[in-house]
Protein backbone atom coordinates (compact mmCIF):
# COMPACT_ATOMS: atom_id res chain seq x y z
CA MET A 1 41.29 -13.01 6.89
CA PRO A 2 38.82 -10.12 7.19
CA THR A 3 39.27 -7.67 10.01
CA CYS A 4 36.63 -5.78 11.90
CA PRO A 5 36.56 -3.47 14.92
CA ILE A 6 36.21 -5.27 18.24
CA SER A 7 33.48 -4.08 20.60
CA SER A 8 33.58 -4.05 24.40
CA ASN A 9 32.14 -7.58 24.57
CA GLY A 10 35.00 -8.96 22.49
CA ARG A 11 32.93 -9.63 19.42
CA CYS A 12 33.25 -8.16 15.98
CA SER A 13 31.16 -5.00 15.86
CA SER A 14 29.79 -4.31 12.43
CA SER A 15 27.13 -1.85 11.48
CA PRO A 16 23.58 -3.11 12.03
CA PRO A 17 21.71 -4.39 8.99
CA ALA A 18 19.64 -1.88 7.09
CA GLN A 19 16.13 -1.53 8.49
CA HIS A 20 13.35 -1.67 5.92
CA SER A 21 9.89 -0.57 6.88
CA LEU A 22 7.27 -2.82 5.31
CA ASN A 23 3.79 -1.51 5.92
CA PHE A 24 2.34 -4.61 7.57
CA SER A 25 -1.19 -3.21 7.50
CA VAL A 26 -1.17 -3.02 3.70
CA ALA A 27 0.65 -6.35 3.39
CA SER A 28 -1.84 -8.05 5.73
CA TRP A 29 -4.86 -6.79 3.80
CA LEU A 30 -3.34 -7.87 0.49
CA ALA A 31 -2.42 -11.30 1.90
CA TRP A 32 -5.95 -11.86 3.23
CA LEU A 33 -7.38 -10.67 -0.09
CA PHE A 34 -5.22 -13.27 -1.83
CA ILE A 35 -6.36 -16.03 0.55
CA ALA A 36 -10.03 -15.10 0.12
CA GLY A 37 -9.50 -15.01 -3.63
CA ARG A 38 -7.95 -18.48 -3.62
CA VAL A 39 -10.94 -19.84 -1.71
CA ALA A 40 -13.32 -18.10 -4.14
CA HIS A 41 -11.30 -19.36 -7.12
CA SER A 42 -11.51 -22.93 -5.82
CA GLY A 43 -15.26 -22.57 -5.27
CA VAL A 44 -15.82 -21.18 -8.75
CA GLN A 45 -13.71 -23.91 -10.32
CA ILE A 46 -15.43 -26.72 -8.39
CA LEU A 47 -19.03 -25.48 -8.43
CA THR A 48 -19.38 -23.80 -11.83
CA ARG A 49 -18.14 -24.00 -15.37
CA ASN A 50 -17.98 -20.21 -15.67
CA VAL A 51 -14.51 -19.58 -17.10
CA ARG A 52 -14.96 -15.79 -17.21
CA LEU A 53 -15.78 -15.66 -13.49
CA ARG A 54 -12.79 -17.87 -12.73
CA GLY A 55 -10.61 -15.52 -14.77
CA LEU A 56 -11.96 -12.52 -12.86
CA VAL A 57 -11.18 -14.14 -9.50
CA PHE A 58 -7.73 -15.10 -10.77
CA THR A 59 -7.14 -11.48 -11.78
CA ILE A 60 -8.02 -10.33 -8.26
CA ASN A 61 -5.51 -12.83 -6.86
CA PHE A 62 -2.87 -11.68 -9.34
CA LEU A 63 -3.38 -8.03 -8.38
CA ALA A 64 -3.10 -8.90 -4.67
CA VAL A 65 0.22 -10.67 -5.25
CA LEU A 66 1.41 -7.80 -7.44
CA GLY A 67 0.51 -5.39 -4.63
CA LEU A 68 2.44 -7.50 -2.12
CA TRP A 69 5.50 -7.41 -4.37
CA ALA A 70 5.13 -3.65 -4.79
CA ALA A 71 4.99 -3.23 -0.99
CA VAL A 72 8.17 -5.30 -0.60
CA VAL A 73 10.01 -3.40 -3.34
CA LEU A 74 8.95 -0.04 -1.88
CA ALA A 75 10.08 -1.16 1.58
CA LEU A 76 13.46 -2.21 0.23
CA ALA A 77 13.76 1.13 -1.57
CA GLY A 78 13.04 2.91 1.71
CA LYS A 79 9.64 4.27 0.73
CA PRO A 80 6.75 3.00 2.87
CA ALA A 81 3.71 1.86 0.91
CA ALA A 82 0.59 3.99 1.44
């Protein structure tokens, strides 16, 4: 049975979880860029047969998701993004 120090309220007092600072401004912009890109990608796919344009819009979406992952990884590493 694990033991832990008891606090004044009678509960187990453990150290608080690590605080990670995700830059929500950057994450919000990247998330909205991804959403706008998905709408544009759907429009290009439905309204045109331009595969190159669809690939370009997909690349923008991919870069937005990659940026979101980079922001999360940097936050977990303790380095705020931008």
